[in-house]
Amino acid sequence: MSKYHDLKPDDFDFPMSYAFRSYVEEQCTGRPLPSIELPAEKEIVPLPETPEPAWTRDQWQYVQSLHAQMLYLQNKVTELLKGRKPKGQY
């Protein structure tokens, strides 16, 4: 039967969470790692408000025509799906 050596913090060479590293340190040395002080939060500066660009009449008409086409296609898809049998039923 082989005997393993006692674990040391240096035996772990892969990244671990601070809580686990502290636990291992405490088990090996009897002392937990010193606490981590989080940096102070930076103040969030809001973005300056900029007026939205005004769309021309032609742009609005184009958007409305795209919206109408989308609704038309959605209705066609719904009509086609109503005529299909549910999956798994033939």
PDB file of N, CA and C in Angstrom:
ATOM      1  N   MET A   1       0.855  -1.173   0.000  1.00  0.00           N
ATOM      2  CA  MET A   1       0.000   0.000   0.000  1.00  0.00           C
ATOM      3  C   MET A   1       0.899   1.233   0.000  1.00  0.00           C
ATOM      4  N   SER A   2       0.623   2.135  -0.916  1.00  0.00           N
ATOM      5  CA  SER A   2       1.455   3.343  -0.997  1.00  0.00           C
ATOM      6  C   SER A   2       0.852   4.449  -0.145  1.00  0.00           C
ATOM      7  N   LYS A   3       1.714   5.289   0.345  1.00  0.00           N
ATOM      8  CA  LYS A   3       1.268   6.406   1.172  1.00  0.00           C
ATOM      9  C   LYS A   3       1.499   7.702   0.397  1.00  0.00           C
ATOM     10  N   TYR A   4       0.474   8.539   0.385  1.00  0.00           N
ATOM     11  CA  TYR A   4       0.587   9.827  -0.295  1.00  0.00           C
ATOM     12  C   TYR A   4       1.190  10.842   0.670  1.00  0.00           C
ATOM     13  N   HIS A   5       1.936  11.762   0.125  1.00  0.00           N
ATOM     14  CA  HIS A   5       2.495  12.823   0.958  1.00  0.00           C
ATOM     15  C   HIS A   5       1.393  13.807   1.352  1.00  0.00           C
ATOM     16  N   ASP A   6       1.609  14.569   2.413  1.00  0.00           N
ATOM     17  CA  ASP A   6       0.641  15.576   2.836  1.00  0.00           C
ATOM     18  C   ASP A   6       0.542  16.657   1.765  1.00  0.00           C
ATOM     19  N   LEU A   7      -0.659  17.138   1.561  1.00  0.00           N
ATOM     20  CA  LEU A   7      -0.881  18.177   0.558  1.00  0.00           C
ATOM     21  C   LEU A   7      -0.298  19.502   1.023  1.00  0.00           C
ATOM     22  N   LYS A   8       0.227  20.233   0.055  1.00  0.00           N
ATOM     23  CA  LYS A   8       0.730  21.580   0.294  1.00  0.00           C
ATOM     24  C   LYS A   8       0.042  22.492  -0.717  1.00  0.00           C
ATOM     25  N   PRO A   9      -0.107  23.779  -0.398  1.00  0.00           N
ATOM     26  CA  PRO A   9      -0.729  24.679  -1.379  1.00  0.00           C
ATOM     27  C   PRO A   9      -0.013  24.675  -2.725  1.00  0.00           C
ATOM     28  N   ASP A  10       1.303  24.428  -2.730  1.00  0.00           N
ATOM     29  CA  ASP A  10       2.045  24.413  -3.990  1.00  0.00           C
ATOM     30  C   ASP A  10       1.701  23.209  -4.867  1.00  0.00           C
ATOM     31  N   ASP A  11       1.027  22.193  -4.305  1.00  0.00           N
ATOM     32  CA  ASP A  11       0.647  21.026  -5.089  1.00  0.00           C
ATOM     33  C   ASP A  11      -0.451  21.348  -6.102  1.00  0.00           C
ATOM     34  N   PHE A  12      -1.126  22.447  -5.916  1.00  0.00           N
ATOM     35  CA  PHE A  12      -2.217  22.827  -6.799  1.00  0.00           C
ATOM     36  C   PHE A  12      -1.719  23.908  -7.748  1.00  0.00           C
ATOM     37  N   ASP A  13      -1.557  23.554  -9.022  1.00  0.00           N
ATOM     38  CA  ASP A  13      -1.035  24.518  -9.990  1.00  0.00           C
ATOM     39  C   ASP A  13      -2.087  24.933 -11.006  1.00  0.00           C
ATOM     40  N   PHE A  14      -3.369  24.724 -10.697  1.00  0.00           N
ATOM     41  CA  PHE A  14      -4.433  25.140 -11.599  1.00  0.00           C
ATOM     42  C   PHE A  14      -5.313  26.156 -10.878  1.00  0.00           C
ATOM     43  N   PRO A  15      -6.023  26.999 -11.616  1.00  0.00           N
ATOM     44  CA  PRO A  15      -6.817  28.037 -10.969  1.00  0.00           C
ATOM     45  C   PRO A  15      -7.955  27.443 -10.137  1.00  0.00           C
ATOM     46  N   MET A  16      -8.144  27.997  -8.967  1.00  0.00           N
ATOM     47  CA  MET A  16      -9.223  27.571  -8.080  1.00  0.00           C
ATOM     48  C   MET A  16      -9.898  28.811  -7.516  1.00  0.00           C
ATOM     49  N   SER A  17     -11.099  28.624  -6.988  1.00  0.00           N
ATOM     50  CA  SER A  17     -11.788  29.747  -6.375  1.00  0.00           C
ATOM     51  C   SER A  17     -11.055  30.179  -5.114  1.00  0.00           C
ATOM     52  N   TYR A  18     -11.245  31.411  -4.741  1.00  0.00           N
ATOM     53  CA  TYR A  18     -10.585  31.929  -3.536  1.00  0.00           C
ATOM     54  C   TYR A  18     -11.017  31.135  -2.313  1.00  0.00           C
ATOM     55  N   ALA A  19     -12.303  30.776  -2.233  1.00  0.00           N
ATOM     56  CA  ALA A  19     -12.796  30.040  -1.070  1.00  0.00           C
ATOM     57  C   ALA A  19     -12.102  28.680  -0.961  1.00  0.00           C
ATOM     58  N   PHE A  20     -11.920  27.979  -2.079  1.00  0.00           N
ATOM     59  CA  PHE A  20     -11.271  26.676  -2.030  1.00  0.00           C
ATOM     60  C   PHE A  20      -9.789  26.813  -1.700  1.00  0.00           C
ATOM     61  N   ARG A  21      -9.132  27.814  -2.279  1.00  0.00           N
ATOM     62  CA  ARG A  21      -7.716  28.026  -1.970  1.00  0.00           C
ATOM     63  C   ARG A  21      -7.538  28.343  -0.497  1.00  0.00           C
ATOM     64  N   SER A  22      -8.462  29.134   0.059  1.00  0.00           N
ATOM     65  CA  SER A  22      -8.395  29.465   1.475  1.00  0.00           C
ATOM     66  C   SER A  22      -8.586  28.217   2.324  1.00  0.00           C
ATOM     67  N   TYR A  23      -9.522  27.357   1.913  1.00  0.00           N
ATOM     68  CA  TYR A  23      -9.769  26.107   2.636  1.00  0.00           C
ATOM     69  C   TYR A  23      -8.517  25.227   2.627  1.00  0.00           C
ATOM     70  N   VAL A  24      -7.905  25.064   1.452  1.00  0.00           N
ATOM     71  CA  VAL A  24      -6.694  24.242   1.336  1.00  0.00           C
ATOM     72  C   VAL A  24      -5.576  24.841   2.184  1.00  0.00           C
ATOM     73  N   GLU A  25      -5.419  26.146   2.120  1.00  0.00           N
ATOM     74  CA  GLU A  25      -4.385  26.813   2.910  1.00  0.00           C
ATOM     75  C   GLU A  25      -4.609  26.565   4.402  1.00  0.00           C
ATOM     76  N   GLU A  26      -5.867  26.660   4.829  1.00  0.00           N
ATOM     77  CA  GLU A  26      -6.171  26.449   6.244  1.00  0.00           C
ATOM     78  C   GLU A  26      -5.910  24.998   6.647  1.00  0.00           C
ATOM     79  N   GLN A  27      -6.233  24.048   5.771  1.00  0.00           N
ATOM     80  CA  GLN A  27      -5.990  22.642   6.085  1.00  0.00           C
ATOM     81  C   GLN A  27      -4.499  22.324   6.152  1.00  0.00           C
ATOM     82  N   CYS A  28      -3.720  22.982   5.289  1.00  0.00           N
ATOM     83  CA  CYS A  28      -2.282  22.693   5.229  1.00  0.00           C
ATOM     84  C   CYS A  28      -1.481  23.455   6.268  1.00  0.00           C
ATOM     85  N   THR A  29      -1.816  24.708   6.491  1.00  0.00           N
ATOM     86  CA  THR A  29      -0.995  25.546   7.386  1.00  0.00           C
ATOM     87  C   THR A  29      -1.702  25.916   8.676  1.00  0.00           C
ATOM     88  N   GLY A  30      -3.002  25.694   8.735  1.00  0.00           N
ATOM     89  CA  GLY A  30      -3.746  26.085   9.926  1.00  0.00           C
ATOM     90  C   GLY A  30      -4.219  27.528   9.897  1.00  0.00           C
ATOM     91  N   ARG A  31      -3.838  28.274   8.858  1.00  0.00           N
ATOM     92  CA  ARG A  31      -4.246  29.680   8.732  1.00  0.00           C
ATOM     93  C   ARG A  31      -4.936  29.883   7.386  1.00  0.00           C
ATOM     94  N   PRO A  32      -6.122  30.518   7.364  1.00  0.00           N
ATOM     95  CA  PRO A  32      -6.760  30.798   6.073  1.00  0.00           C
ATOM     96  C   PRO A  32      -6.036  31.939   5.360  1.00  0.00           C
ATOM     97  N   LEU A  33      -6.285  32.057   4.093  1.00  0.00           N
ATOM     98  CA  LEU A  33      -5.711  33.178   3.335  1.00  0.00           C
ATOM     99  C   LEU A  33      -6.280  34.489   3.865  1.00  0.00           C
ATOM    100  N   PRO A  34      -5.509  35.573   3.782  1.00  0.00           N
ATOM    101  CA  PRO A  34      -6.075  36.863   4.193  1.00  0.00           C
ATOM    102  C   PRO A  34      -7.247  37.228   3.298  1.00  0.00           C
ATOM    103  N   SER A  35      -8.172  37.974   3.860  1.00  0.00           N
ATOM    104  CA  SER A  35      -9.365  38.318   3.099  1.00  0.00           C
ATOM    105  C   SER A  35      -9.014  39.231   1.932  1.00  0.00           C
ATOM    106  N   ILE A  36      -9.838  39.126   0.922  1.00  0.00           N
ATOM    107  CA  ILE A  36      -9.648  39.953  -0.268  1.00  0.00           C
ATOM    108  C   ILE A  36     -10.500  41.200  -0.107  1.00  0.00           C
ATOM    109  N   GLU A  37      -9.902  42.329  -0.331  1.00  0.00           N
ATOM    110  CA  GLU A  37     -10.665  43.574  -0.306  1.00  0.00           C
ATOM    111  C   GLU A  37     -11.027  43.911  -1.743  1.00  0.00           C
ATOM    112  N   LEU A  38     -12.316  44.038  -1.983  1.00  0.00           N
ATOM    113  CA  LEU A  38     -12.774  44.363  -3.323  1.00  0.00           C
ATOM    114  C   LEU A  38     -12.524  45.841  -3.610  1.00  0.00           C
ATOM    115  N   PRO A  39     -12.140  46.161  -4.844  1.00  0.00           N
ATOM    116  CA  PRO A  39     -11.932  47.559  -5.177  1.00  0.00           C
ATOM    117  C   PRO A  39     -13.246  48.332  -5.093  1.00  0.00           C
ATOM    118  N   ALA A  40     -13.141  49.607  -4.785  1.00  0.00           N
ATOM    119  CA  ALA A  40     -14.337  50.447  -4.705  1.00  0.00           C
ATOM    120  C   ALA A  40     -15.006  50.493  -6.073  1.00  0.00           C
ATOM    121  N   GLU A  41     -16.326  50.507  -6.058  1.00  0.00           N
ATOM    122  CA  GLU A  41     -17.061  50.547  -7.323  1.00  0.00           C
ATOM    123  C   GLU A  41     -16.845  51.888  -8.008  1.00  0.00           C
ATOM    124  N   LYS A  42     -16.663  51.812  -9.293  1.00  0.00           N
ATOM    125  CA  LYS A  42     -16.492  53.038 -10.057  1.00  0.00           C
ATOM    126  C   LYS A  42     -17.861  53.653 -10.290  1.00  0.00           C
ATOM    127  N   GLU A  43     -17.882  54.953 -10.315  1.00  0.00           N
ATOM    128  CA  GLU A  43     -19.145  55.643 -10.568  1.00  0.00           C
ATOM    129  C   GLU A  43     -19.529  55.455 -12.029  1.00  0.00           C
ATOM    130  N   ILE A  44     -20.772  55.091 -12.247  1.00  0.00           N
ATOM    131  CA  ILE A  44     -21.259  54.897 -13.610  1.00  0.00           C
ATOM    132  C   ILE A  44     -21.737  56.238 -14.148  1.00  0.00           C
ATOM    133  N   VAL A  45     -21.105  56.637 -15.208  1.00  0.00           N
ATOM    134  CA  VAL A  45     -21.459  57.912 -15.826  1.00  0.00           C
ATOM    135  C   VAL A  45     -22.453  57.638 -16.948  1.00  0.00           C
ATOM    136  N   PRO A  46     -23.658  58.213 -16.865  1.00  0.00           N
ATOM    137  CA  PRO A  46     -24.631  57.952 -17.931  1.00  0.00           C
ATOM    138  C   PRO A  46     -24.177  58.570 -19.247  1.00  0.00           C
ATOM    139  N   LEU A  47     -24.584  57.919 -20.324  1.00  0.00           N
ATOM    140  CA  LEU A  47     -24.265  58.453 -21.648  1.00  0.00           C
ATOM    141  C   LEU A  47     -25.042  59.739 -21.879  1.00  0.00           C
ATOM    142  N   PRO A  48     -24.441  60.673 -22.556  1.00  0.00           N
ATOM    143  CA  PRO A  48     -25.172  61.904 -22.833  1.00  0.00           C
ATOM    144  C   PRO A  48     -26.360  61.617 -23.748  1.00  0.00           C
ATOM    145  N   GLU A  49     -27.462  62.260 -23.458  1.00  0.00           N
ATOM    146  CA  GLU A  49     -28.649  62.048 -24.286  1.00  0.00           C
ATOM    147  C   GLU A  49     -28.494  62.807 -25.596  1.00  0.00           C
ATOM    148  N   THR A  50     -28.751  62.084 -26.668  1.00  0.00           N
ATOM    149  CA  THR A  50     -28.694  62.704 -27.985  1.00  0.00           C
ATOM    150  C   THR A  50     -30.065  62.559 -28.618  1.00  0.00           C
ATOM    151  N   PRO A  51     -30.514  63.558 -29.287  1.00  0.00           N
ATOM    152  CA  PRO A  51     -31.827  63.448 -29.918  1.00  0.00           C
ATOM    153  C   PRO A  51     -31.791  62.390 -31.020  1.00  0.00           C
ATOM    154  N   GLU A  52     -32.872  61.605 -31.105  1.00  0.00           N
ATOM    155  CA  GLU A  52     -32.941  60.609 -32.166  1.00  0.00           C
ATOM    156  C   GLU A  52     -33.106  61.320 -33.500  1.00  0.00           C
ATOM    157  N   PRO A  53     -32.463  60.789 -34.524  1.00  0.00           N
ATOM    158  CA  PRO A  53     -32.604  61.446 -35.827  1.00  0.00           C
ATOM    159  C   PRO A  53     -34.042  61.329 -36.328  1.00  0.00           C
ATOM    160  N   ALA A  54     -34.522  62.371 -36.892  1.00  0.00           N
ATOM    161  CA  ALA A  54     -35.889  62.377 -37.426  1.00  0.00           C
ATOM    162  C   ALA A  54     -35.884  61.654 -38.766  1.00  0.00           C
ATOM    163  N   TRP A  55     -36.842  60.757 -38.951  1.00  0.00           N
ATOM    164  CA  TRP A  55     -36.954  60.051 -40.213  1.00  0.00           C
ATOM    165  C   TRP A  55     -37.749  60.891 -41.203  1.00  0.00           C
ATOM    166  N   THR A  56     -37.370  60.740 -42.437  1.00  0.00           N
ATOM    167  CA  THR A  56     -38.116  61.442 -43.478  1.00  0.00           C
ATOM    168  C   THR A  56     -39.415  60.684 -43.751  1.00  0.00           C
ATOM    169  N   ARG A  57     -40.307  61.313 -44.483  1.00  0.00           N
ATOM    170  CA  ARG A  57     -41.592  60.686 -44.813  1.00  0.00           C
ATOM    171  C   ARG A  57     -41.377  59.400 -45.610  1.00  0.00           C
ATOM    172  N   ASP A  58     -40.407  59.428 -46.513  1.00  0.00           N
ATOM    173  CA  ASP A  58     -40.104  58.244 -47.325  1.00  0.00           C
ATOM    174  C   ASP A  58     -39.614  57.085 -46.455  1.00  0.00           C
ATOM    175  N   GLN A  59     -38.785  57.400 -45.464  1.00  0.00           N
ATOM    176  CA  GLN A  59     -38.286  56.358 -44.568  1.00  0.00           C
ATOM    177  C   GLN A  59     -39.431  55.732 -43.764  1.00  0.00           C
ATOM    178  N   TRP A  60     -40.362  56.550 -43.267  1.00  0.00           N
ATOM    179  CA  TRP A  60     -41.513  56.022 -42.539  1.00  0.00           C
ATOM    180  C   TRP A  60     -42.369  55.133 -43.426  1.00  0.00           C
ATOM    181  N   GLN A  61     -42.578  55.558 -44.659  1.00  0.00           N
ATOM    182  CA  GLN A  61     -43.379  54.758 -45.582  1.00  0.00           C
ATOM    183  C   GLN A  61     -42.695  53.417 -45.864  1.00  0.00           C
ATOM    184  N   TYR A  62     -41.393  53.426 -45.992  1.00  0.00           N
ATOM    185  CA  TYR A  62     -40.647  52.199 -46.245  1.00  0.00           C
ATOM    186  C   TYR A  62     -40.773  51.244 -45.056  1.00  0.00           C
ATOM    187  N   VAL A  63     -40.632  51.761 -43.840  1.00  0.00           N
ATOM    188  CA  VAL A  63     -40.770  50.936 -42.638  1.00  0.00           C
ATOM    189  C   VAL A  63     -42.181  50.368 -42.541  1.00  0.00           C
ATOM    190  N   GLN A  64     -43.174  51.183 -42.845  1.00  0.00           N
ATOM    191  CA  GLN A  64     -44.557  50.712 -42.799  1.00  0.00           C
ATOM    192  C   GLN A  64     -44.806  49.626 -43.849  1.00  0.00           C
ATOM    193  N   SER A  65     -44.195  49.760 -45.013  1.00  0.00           N
ATOM    194  CA  SER A  65     -44.379  48.730 -46.047  1.00  0.00           C
ATOM    195  C   SER A  65     -43.696  47.426 -45.626  1.00  0.00           C
ATOM    196  N   LEU A  66     -42.515  47.514 -44.988  1.00  0.00           N
ATOM    197  CA  LEU A  66     -41.850  46.313 -44.487  1.00  0.00           C
ATOM    198  C   LEU A  66     -42.687  45.640 -43.401  1.00  0.00           C
ATOM    199  N   HIS A  67     -43.279  46.432 -42.537  1.00  0.00           N
ATOM    200  CA  HIS A  67     -44.123  45.897 -41.470  1.00  0.00           C
ATOM    201  C   HIS A  67     -45.339  45.187 -42.075  1.00  0.00           C
ATOM    202  N   ALA A  68     -45.937  45.778 -43.084  1.00  0.00           N
ATOM    203  CA  ALA A  68     -47.089  45.158 -43.739  1.00  0.00           C
ATOM    204  C   ALA A  68     -46.693  43.845 -44.407  1.00  0.00           C
ATOM    205  N   GLN A  69     -45.529  43.806 -45.048  1.00  0.00           N
ATOM    206  CA  GLN A  69     -45.051  42.574 -45.675  1.00  0.00           C
ATOM    207  C   GLN A  69     -44.808  41.492 -44.626  1.00  0.00           C
ATOM    208  N   MET A  70     -44.254  41.874 -43.477  1.00  0.00           N
ATOM    209  CA  MET A  70     -43.999  40.931 -42.407  1.00  0.00           C
ATOM    210  C   MET A  70     -45.308  40.326 -41.906  1.00  0.00           C
ATOM    211  N   LEU A  71     -46.324  41.164 -41.694  1.00  0.00           N
ATOM    212  CA  LEU A  71     -47.619  40.665 -41.236  1.00  0.00           C
ATOM    213  C   LEU A  71     -48.244  39.732 -42.266  1.00  0.00           C
ATOM    214  N   TYR A  72     -48.127  40.071 -43.529  1.00  0.00           N
ATOM    215  CA  TYR A  72     -48.667  39.235 -44.610  1.00  0.00           C
ATOM    216  C   TYR A  72     -48.015  37.849 -44.585  1.00  0.00           C
ATOM    217  N   LEU A  73     -46.681  37.835 -44.471  1.00  0.00           N
ATOM    218  CA  LEU A  73     -45.962  36.563 -44.457  1.00  0.00           C
ATOM    219  C   LEU A  73     -46.278  35.749 -43.205  1.00  0.00           C
ATOM    220  N   GLN A  74     -46.425  36.422 -42.066  1.00  0.00           N
ATOM    221  CA  GLN A  74     -46.796  35.712 -40.844  1.00  0.00           C
ATOM    222  C   GLN A  74     -48.167  35.053 -40.998  1.00  0.00           C
ATOM    223  N   ASN A  75     -49.110  35.758 -41.611  1.00  0.00           N
ATOM    224  CA  ASN A  75     -50.439  35.190 -41.828  1.00  0.00           C
ATOM    225  C   ASN A  75     -50.384  33.997 -42.774  1.00  0.00           C
ATOM    226  N   LYS A  76     -49.564  34.072 -43.815  1.00  0.00           N
ATOM    227  CA  LYS A  76     -49.428  32.965 -44.768  1.00  0.00           C
ATOM    228  C   LYS A  76     -48.845  31.736 -44.075  1.00  0.00           C
ATOM    229  N   VAL A  77     -47.831  31.940 -43.256  1.00  0.00           N
ATOM    230  CA  VAL A  77     -47.223  30.817 -42.534  1.00  0.00           C
ATOM    231  C   VAL A  77     -48.240  30.182 -41.595  1.00  0.00           C
ATOM    232  N   THR A  78     -49.013  31.015 -40.896  1.00  0.00           N
ATOM    233  CA  THR A  78     -50.034  30.497 -39.986  1.00  0.00           C
ATOM    234  C   THR A  78     -51.061  29.678 -40.758  1.00  0.00           C
ATOM    235  N   GLU A  79     -51.506  30.162 -41.922  1.00  0.00           N
ATOM    236  CA  GLU A  79     -52.470  29.425 -42.742  1.00  0.00           C
ATOM    237  C   GLU A  79     -51.895  28.089 -43.200  1.00  0.00           C
ATOM    238  N   LEU A  80     -50.618  28.076 -43.616  1.00  0.00           N
ATOM    239  CA  LEU A  80     -49.991  26.839 -44.072  1.00  0.00           C
ATOM    240  C   LEU A  80     -49.860  25.837 -42.923  1.00  0.00           C
ATOM    241  N   LEU A  81     -49.519  26.310 -41.745  1.00  0.00           N
ATOM    242  CA  LEU A  81     -49.345  25.409 -40.606  1.00  0.00           C
ATOM    243  C   LEU A  81     -50.663  24.836 -40.111  1.00  0.00           C
ATOM    244  N   LYS A  82     -51.751  25.556 -40.306  1.00  0.00           N
ATOM    245  CA  LYS A  82     -53.063  25.045 -39.880  1.00  0.00           C
ATOM    246  C   LYS A  82     -53.439  23.813 -40.669  1.00  0.00           C
ATOM    247  N   GLY A  83     -53.031  23.736 -41.933  1.00  0.00           N
ATOM    248  CA  GLY A  83     -53.375  22.614 -42.780  1.00  0.00           C
ATOM    249  C   GLY A  83     -52.514  21.383 -42.549  1.00  0.00           C
ATOM    250  N   ARG A  84     -51.404  21.494 -41.819  1.00  0.00           N
ATOM    251  CA  ARG A  84     -50.504  20.377 -41.581  1.00  0.00           C
ATOM    252  C   ARG A  84     -50.987  19.524 -40.422  1.00  0.00           C
ATOM    253  N   LYS A  85     -50.584  18.247 -40.483  1.00  0.00           N
ATOM    254  CA  LYS A  85     -50.867  17.353 -39.369  1.00  0.00           C
ATOM    255  C   LYS A  85     -49.792  17.581 -38.305  1.00  0.00           C
ATOM    256  N   PRO A  86     -50.138  17.370 -37.045  1.00  0.00           N
ATOM    257  CA  PRO A  86     -49.119  17.509 -35.988  1.00  0.00           C
ATOM    258  C   PRO A  86     -47.984  16.503 -36.198  1.00  0.00           C
ATOM    259  N   LYS A  87     -46.812  16.834 -35.673  1.00  0.00           N
ATOM    260  CA  LYS A  87     -45.661  15.942 -35.796  1.00  0.00           C
ATOM    261  C   LYS A  87     -45.971  14.586 -35.206  1.00  0.00           C
ATOM    262  N   GLY A  88     -45.498  13.556 -35.861  1.00  0.00           N
ATOM    263  CA  GLY A  88     -45.675  12.194 -35.365  1.00  0.00           C
ATOM    264  C   GLY A  88     -46.963  11.543 -35.797  1.00  0.00           C
ATOM    265  N   GLN A  89     -47.856  12.271 -36.433  1.00  0.00           N
ATOM    266  CA  GLN A  89     -49.115  11.693 -36.902  1.00  0.00           C
ATOM    267  C   GLN A  89     -49.121  11.695 -38.420  1.00  0.00           C
ATOM    268  N   TYR A  90     -49.302  10.517 -39.003  1.00  0.00           N
ATOM    269  CA  TYR A  90     -49.301  10.421 -40.460  1.00  0.00           C
ATOM    270  C   TYR A  90     -50.559   9.777 -40.951  1.00  0.00           C
TER     271      TYR A  90
END
